[in-house]
Every structure is written in C-alpha cells, then in structure tokens.
Amino acid sequence: MSKNITGKINNASYSVMCTMLSLFEKNLTMPELIDSLNRMFPGVIFNNFVASKYINTCKACGFDIQKIDGKYCFMNYPIGEKFTDHEAALACELEEYSEDLNQSKINKDVKTFFEKLHLVKYKASNGLKSSKNRRVLRLYEKARNAKCNIKIFYEDGHQEDCSPKDVYVSDGGKIFFRTSNQTGLQEVNPDKIIDIKITEQTDYESEPYEEVVFELRGKLAKRYQLRENEQILKVKKNGNIVVTNKYEDKTHLLRRLMRYDSSCRLMKPNSYVDELRTMIKEALENYS
C-alpha cells in the first residue's frame, strides 16, 4: 500500500516538473500544455483537470503563473538574480546586436533568451533606469501588451480596477505607470503597489492619442531631453535614438518635429507621416 502511494507521489511530482519545463520553454495554451505532457508520457492521456492541478501546485510552491492572452506563462520565480545597471546595459547591447543577424539561429536563440529573461529596462536621459519592484512592472507590461485590464493592490490596502496605458521615466529617473479608469488618466508609483492581477477582460477603450515613434540623429540625438510622455525605444550603434511619444497633442507634436528638420524622421503612425508631409509641402509652397 505504501509503495503504491509513494509511486503516485513520485509520478505526480515528476509531472509537475514536466509542467514547469514545458512552460519554461515557451508560453502555452491549455491544449498545447496537455499535448506537451502527452509527448513526455507516451501512453498516458492528460486532460484539463489534471494539467490545472499541476499548474496550481506550481503556484503553491511560489511560482507566479498567469494566463495572458489565452496562454499560461511564468511571471515570477521564487528565486532569482537582480542585475546591476551595468549588467542590464550589456544585455541591452546583446539584444541590439542580435537584431542585425536577421533570421539566423543566433538571432532566434537570443530572442528566446530574452523572452524568458525577467529583465525590465527603460532608458531615461540620464542613463538606464529600472524599477525596484520588477515583478509588478513585469505584470503591468504583460497586461498592457495583451490589452487586458488589471486590478492594482496598493500597500495601503485599497484596490483599483483600471487599464494599463504606458510606462514612462521622469527626468529624475523614476518609473511611473500611466493608467486610466472612470475618472480619466492618472500616474501611479509602482513602488506603492504590492500586487497586480491581470483580468481576462479585453480593454476596448480607445486611446486619447496615438503612439508616435520618431528617430533623432546626430547632435540632436545626443542633446535631446525626453518629455515626461516619452521614452527611448532603441539606441542605435551610430548614436541615433528611436523615441516613442504618447498623449501629446498631434498638431503641437508635428510642429515640434518639423523644427528638427533633417535631424528627425517620423516613423509612425502612417496617418501622422502623411499629415507631416502635407505640412512640409504647404510650407515649401510659401517660398515657391
């Protein structure tokens, strides 16, 4: 009797480890996870109920697994290593250089590595900055990318349902969340948050402004001071920077970018690019 119980415990423990291994490799839907387990255990048929028990066992052991956009993924582990700013900067360089390798195997391996690396990075005008509360920031980013609503649990005890909009770095290097609720847009300090729960409800709320991406070159790229609604998306090897801008009035923004002349290239959205072309054409016609 005891041998049978021990055998069941061992089999169940091994199945939980296989569940972890499957999710470590990539994010999976429930049918994909079941298929992965079936391949590891030829002749054994798993179902939703059993696979869900294995996931819940992982959660009980301190592994934070969330279902986002229909797929289960690891959000946080009970153990880990915090990177210094220098180490994070080296990781950014590795990710950038791999992009130049196009669709090579090395490029795919690096992309896979960064998908599993819990490194959140933002670059402000005064250098690389990151939030102390990495788990909260990671959850926020996942929800924003998947266009899901969130419930925020604050350290003072109150809770809030809202939609994640953006993350920005202040001039002092402090990270803030931009969220929206029934009262409008607000800024939230992630260090005041103890947890974030991602809901399955899709956020269909329309954005007040579109996200604008532009590239700055030469001396302007070196001396440019980020606005509070901007963050650097990429620093190229030639020194150019790619900036993303949100929540700025379109007319005001386009006029500002026009002043930068050939040192600026507007990349998206296409509607803004077309409108900027029209503005430049009309300005040139004044001198024809």
Protein backbone atom coordinates (compact mmCIF):
# COMPACT_ATOMS: atom_id res chain seq x y z
CA MET A 1 0.00 0.00 0.00
CA SER A 2 2.75 2.42 1.00
CA LYS A 3 4.69 1.59 -2.18
CA ASN A 4 1.66 2.47 -4.32
CA ILE A 5 1.21 5.79 -2.53
CA THR A 6 4.93 6.58 -2.88
CA GLY A 7 4.79 5.73 -6.58
CA LYS A 8 1.80 8.03 -7.13
CA ILE A 9 3.54 10.86 -5.30
CA ASN A 10 6.70 10.39 -7.37
CA ASN A 11 4.74 10.32 -10.62
CA ALA A 12 2.77 13.42 -9.66
CA SER A 13 5.97 15.27 -8.63
CA TYR A 14 7.62 14.38 -11.92
CA SER A 15 4.53 15.53 -13.83
CA VAL A 16 4.68 18.89 -12.05
CA MET A 17 8.35 19.21 -13.01
CA CYS A 18 7.44 18.43 -16.64
CA THR A 19 4.74 21.10 -16.49
CA MET A 20 7.33 23.62 -15.31
CA LEU A 21 9.75 22.53 -18.03
CA SER A 22 7.10 22.98 -20.73
CA LEU A 23 6.25 26.50 -19.56
CA PHE A 24 9.92 27.41 -19.16
CA GLU A 25 10.43 26.62 -22.83
CA LYS A 26 7.55 28.82 -24.05
CA ASN A 27 4.12 30.15 -23.15
CA LEU A 28 1.36 27.62 -23.84
CA THR A 29 -2.40 27.39 -24.10
CA MET A 30 -4.04 24.63 -22.11
CA PRO A 31 -4.36 22.31 -25.16
CA GLU A 32 -0.70 22.97 -26.03
CA LEU A 33 0.38 22.18 -22.45
CA ILE A 34 -1.63 18.95 -22.46
CA ASP A 35 -0.07 17.99 -25.79
CA SER A 36 3.41 18.66 -24.38
CA LEU A 37 2.71 16.45 -21.34
CA ASN A 38 1.31 13.68 -23.54
CA ARG A 39 4.54 13.67 -25.56
CA MET A 40 6.59 13.36 -22.36
CA PHE A 41 4.44 10.47 -21.10
CA PRO A 42 3.73 8.12 -24.03
CA GLY A 43 0.62 6.06 -23.37
CA VAL A 44 -0.73 8.43 -20.70
CA ILE A 45 -3.65 10.74 -21.55
CA PHE A 46 -3.78 14.07 -19.67
CA ASN A 47 -6.78 16.39 -19.50
CA ASN A 48 -7.62 19.96 -18.42
CA PHE A 49 -8.38 18.94 -14.84
CA VAL A 50 -5.03 17.18 -14.29
CA ALA A 51 -2.96 19.88 -16.04
CA SER A 52 -4.72 22.58 -14.00
CA LYS A 53 -3.78 20.73 -10.78
CA TYR A 54 -0.12 20.75 -11.85
CA ILE A 55 -0.27 24.49 -12.54
CA ASN A 56 -1.88 25.13 -9.15
CA THR A 57 0.85 23.05 -7.49
CA CYS A 58 3.48 25.27 -9.13
CA LYS A 59 1.64 28.34 -7.83
CA ALA A 60 1.54 26.86 -4.31
CA CYS A 61 5.34 26.49 -4.49
CA GLY A 62 5.80 30.19 -5.19
CA PHE A 63 5.82 30.22 -8.99
CA ASP A 64 3.64 33.02 -10.29
CA ILE A 65 1.85 31.67 -13.38
CA GLN A 66 -0.66 33.89 -15.16
CA LYS A 67 -2.95 33.23 -18.11
CA ILE A 68 -2.46 36.08 -20.56
CA ASP A 69 -3.99 36.27 -23.99
CA GLY A 70 -5.07 32.64 -23.65
CA LYS A 71 -1.59 31.32 -22.79
CA TYR A 72 -0.06 30.31 -19.45
CA CYS A 73 3.27 31.93 -18.70
CA PHE A 74 5.70 32.40 -15.82
CA MET A 75 5.59 35.92 -14.41
CA ASN A 76 7.91 35.46 -11.46
CA TYR A 77 10.00 32.80 -9.74
CA PRO A 78 10.64 32.27 -6.00
CA ILE A 79 14.37 32.60 -6.70
CA GLY A 80 16.29 34.93 -8.99
CA GLU A 81 19.19 37.28 -9.50
CA LYS A 82 18.98 41.05 -9.76
CA PHE A 83 21.09 42.67 -12.46
CA THR A 84 23.17 45.77 -11.87
CA ASP A 85 22.68 48.71 -14.24
CA HIS A 86 25.96 47.75 -15.95
CA GLU A 87 24.81 44.16 -16.49
CA ALA A 88 21.45 45.36 -17.77
CA ALA A 89 23.20 47.70 -20.21
CA LEU A 90 25.29 44.80 -21.54
CA ALA A 91 22.11 42.77 -22.00
CA CYS A 92 20.60 45.64 -24.00
CA GLU A 93 23.65 45.71 -26.27
CA LEU A 94 23.45 41.95 -26.81
CA GLU A 95 19.80 42.23 -27.78
CA GLU A 96 20.56 45.10 -30.17
CA TYR A 97 23.47 43.37 -31.92
CA SER A 98 21.43 40.19 -32.40
CA GLU A 99 18.86 42.18 -34.39
CA ASP A 100 21.49 42.74 -37.10
CA LEU A 101 21.74 38.97 -37.60
CA ASN A 102 18.26 38.88 -39.14
CA GLN A 103 16.74 35.39 -39.09
CA SER A 104 19.88 33.44 -38.14
CA LYS A 105 19.80 30.74 -35.46
CA ILE A 106 21.77 33.01 -33.11
CA ASN A 107 19.14 35.70 -33.52
CA LYS A 108 16.36 33.22 -32.69
CA ASP A 109 18.29 31.89 -29.68
CA VAL A 110 18.83 35.40 -28.32
CA LYS A 111 15.15 36.26 -28.79
CA THR A 112 14.16 33.10 -26.93
CA PHE A 113 16.61 34.00 -24.16
CA PHE A 114 15.13 37.48 -23.70
CA GLU A 115 11.58 36.14 -23.73
CA LYS A 116 12.47 34.18 -20.58
CA LEU A 117 14.78 36.75 -19.01
CA HIS A 118 12.89 38.76 -16.41
CA LEU A 119 14.74 41.96 -17.20
CA VAL A 120 12.73 45.15 -17.44
CA LYS A 121 14.63 48.07 -18.89
CA TYR A 122 13.92 51.69 -19.64
CA LYS A 123 16.40 54.35 -20.63
CA ALA A 124 15.99 57.92 -19.43
CA SER A 125 18.02 60.94 -20.49
CA ASN A 126 20.40 60.34 -17.59
CA GLY A 127 21.02 56.63 -18.20
CA LEU A 128 19.49 53.20 -17.75
CA LYS A 129 16.88 53.06 -15.01
CA SER A 130 14.75 50.26 -13.65
CA SER A 131 12.05 49.91 -11.02
CA LYS A 132 12.84 48.18 -7.74
CA ASN A 133 9.52 46.40 -7.99
CA ARG A 134 10.39 44.29 -11.05
CA ARG A 135 7.58 41.77 -10.60
CA VAL A 136 4.90 44.47 -10.59
CA LEU A 137 6.45 46.14 -13.62
CA ARG A 138 6.60 42.82 -15.45
CA LEU A 139 2.92 42.11 -14.75
CA TYR A 140 1.95 45.61 -15.86
CA GLU A 141 3.84 45.25 -19.15
CA LYS A 142 2.28 41.85 -19.86
CA ALA A 143 -1.22 43.20 -19.31
CA ARG A 144 -0.57 46.27 -21.44
CA ASN A 145 0.84 44.24 -24.33
CA ALA A 146 -2.06 41.78 -24.16
CA LYS A 147 -4.58 44.69 -23.89
CA CYS A 148 -6.04 43.34 -20.64
CA ASN A 149 -7.45 45.26 -17.71
CA ILE A 150 -5.81 44.95 -14.30
CA LYS A 151 -6.66 45.16 -10.61
CA ILE A 152 -3.99 47.02 -8.59
CA PHE A 153 -3.45 46.20 -4.91
CA TYR A 154 -1.74 49.05 -3.06
CA GLU A 155 0.36 48.74 0.08
CA ASP A 156 -2.08 50.98 1.99
CA GLY A 157 -4.83 48.39 1.48
CA HIS A 158 -7.01 49.91 -1.23
CA GLN A 159 -7.63 48.33 -4.63
CA GLU A 160 -8.30 49.77 -8.06
CA ASP A 161 -9.59 48.45 -11.38
CA CYS A 162 -8.00 50.18 -14.35
CA SER A 163 -6.47 49.82 -17.81
CA PRO A 164 -2.67 49.95 -18.31
CA LYS A 165 -1.66 52.61 -20.82
CA ASP A 166 2.04 53.40 -20.68
CA VAL A 167 5.26 53.40 -18.66
CA TYR A 168 7.49 56.45 -18.58
CA VAL A 169 10.65 57.58 -16.84
CA SER A 170 10.75 61.01 -15.22
CA ASP A 171 13.72 63.37 -15.56
CA GLY A 172 14.89 62.14 -12.18
CA GLY A 173 14.95 58.54 -13.42
CA LYS A 174 11.81 57.42 -11.57
CA ILE A 175 9.45 54.96 -13.29
CA PHE A 176 5.70 55.63 -13.26
CA PHE A 177 2.68 53.81 -14.69
CA ARG A 178 0.03 55.63 -16.68
CA THR A 179 -3.37 54.03 -16.15
CA SER A 180 -6.93 55.01 -16.98
CA ASN A 181 -10.17 54.43 -15.11
CA GLN A 182 -13.58 56.09 -14.96
CA THR A 183 -12.02 59.32 -13.66
CA GLY A 184 -9.50 59.54 -16.53
CA LEU A 185 -5.73 59.19 -16.86
CA GLN A 186 -3.51 59.01 -13.79
CA GLU A 187 0.11 58.33 -12.85
CA VAL A 188 0.95 55.54 -10.38
CA ASN A 189 4.17 54.86 -8.48
CA PRO A 190 4.88 51.10 -8.89
CA ASP A 191 6.79 51.01 -5.60
CA LYS A 192 3.48 51.71 -3.83
CA ILE A 193 1.96 48.55 -5.36
CA ILE A 194 2.17 45.15 -3.70
CA ASP A 195 0.45 43.13 -6.44
CA ILE A 196 -1.28 43.28 -9.81
CA LYS A 197 -3.87 40.80 -11.05
CA ILE A 198 -4.46 40.55 -14.78
CA THR A 199 -8.07 40.07 -15.86
CA GLU A 200 -9.26 38.28 -18.96
CA GLN A 201 -11.47 41.21 -19.93
CA THR A 202 -10.12 42.85 -23.07
CA ASP A 203 -9.74 46.60 -22.92
CA TYR A 204 -11.52 48.14 -25.90
CA GLU A 205 -11.26 51.67 -24.64
CA SER A 206 -9.98 53.99 -27.35
CA GLU A 207 -6.71 55.79 -26.74
CA PRO A 208 -6.95 59.60 -26.41
CA TYR A 209 -3.80 59.91 -28.52
CA GLU A 210 -1.91 57.55 -30.78
CA GLU A 211 1.59 56.30 -30.02
CA VAL A 212 4.09 58.17 -32.19
CA VAL A 213 7.57 56.86 -32.99
CA PHE A 214 10.35 59.02 -34.43
CA GLU A 215 14.12 58.78 -34.87
CA LEU A 216 16.56 61.55 -33.93
CA ARG A 217 20.01 61.83 -35.49
CA GLY A 218 23.38 63.46 -34.94
CA LYS A 219 23.85 66.20 -32.35
CA LEU A 220 20.12 66.39 -31.65
CA ALA A 221 20.10 62.74 -30.52
CA LYS A 222 22.87 63.49 -28.02
CA ARG A 223 21.36 66.62 -26.50
CA TYR A 224 17.66 65.71 -26.74
CA GLN A 225 15.77 65.89 -23.43
CA LEU A 226 12.90 63.44 -23.12
CA ARG A 227 9.45 64.79 -22.30
CA GLU A 228 7.52 63.11 -19.49
CA ASN A 229 5.33 61.37 -22.06
CA GLU A 230 8.30 59.94 -23.95
CA GLN A 231 10.77 57.10 -23.59
CA ILE A 232 13.67 55.83 -25.66
CA LEU A 233 12.68 52.74 -27.58
CA LYS A 234 16.11 51.99 -29.00
CA VAL A 235 19.65 53.38 -29.08
CA LYS A 236 21.35 52.53 -32.38
CA LYS A 237 25.03 51.79 -32.79
CA ASN A 238 25.51 55.02 -34.78
CA GLY A 239 24.19 57.08 -31.87
CA ASN A 240 20.71 57.70 -33.26
CA ILE A 241 17.81 57.22 -30.85
CA VAL A 242 14.29 55.98 -31.53
CA VAL A 243 11.75 57.74 -29.30
CA THR A 244 8.15 56.79 -28.57
CA ASN A 245 5.71 59.57 -27.66
CA LYS A 246 2.20 59.30 -26.23
CA TYR A 247 -0.54 61.64 -25.07
CA GLU A 248 0.77 64.77 -26.83
CA ASP A 249 -1.49 66.91 -28.98
CA LYS A 250 -0.96 65.92 -32.64
CA THR A 251 -0.70 69.43 -34.07
CA HIS A 252 1.72 70.55 -31.36
CA LEU A 253 3.88 67.45 -31.80
CA LEU A 254 4.07 67.65 -35.59
CA ARG A 255 5.05 71.32 -35.47
CA ARG A 256 7.76 70.49 -32.95
CA LEU A 257 9.13 67.68 -35.11
CA MET A 258 9.18 69.98 -38.14
CA ARG A 259 11.58 72.28 -36.30
CA TYR A 260 14.08 69.43 -36.02
CA ASP A 261 14.42 69.45 -39.83
CA SER A 262 16.61 66.65 -41.28
CA SER A 263 17.71 65.56 -37.78
CA CYS A 264 14.33 63.90 -37.26
CA ARG A 265 12.50 61.13 -39.12
CA LEU A 266 8.90 60.41 -38.22
CA MET A 267 8.33 56.64 -38.41
CA LYS A 268 4.72 56.00 -37.38
CA PRO A 269 1.75 56.09 -37.36
CA ASN A 270 1.27 56.45 -41.11
CA SER A 271 -1.53 58.99 -40.69
CA TYR A 272 0.90 61.30 -38.85
CA VAL A 273 3.57 60.76 -41.51
CA ASP A 274 1.13 61.73 -44.26
CA GLU A 275 -0.01 64.80 -42.37
CA LEU A 276 3.58 65.89 -41.72
CA ARG A 277 4.35 65.53 -45.45
CA THR A 278 1.37 67.78 -46.21
CA MET A 279 2.53 70.38 -43.68
CA ILE A 280 6.04 70.40 -45.15
CA LYS A 281 4.66 70.67 -48.70
CA GLU A 282 2.44 73.60 -47.76
CA ALA A 283 5.37 75.31 -46.04
CA LEU A 284 7.54 74.92 -49.17
CA GLU A 285 4.79 76.31 -51.39
CA ASN A 286 5.02 79.56 -49.44
CA TYR A 287 8.51 80.04 -50.84
CA SER A 288 7.89 78.89 -54.43
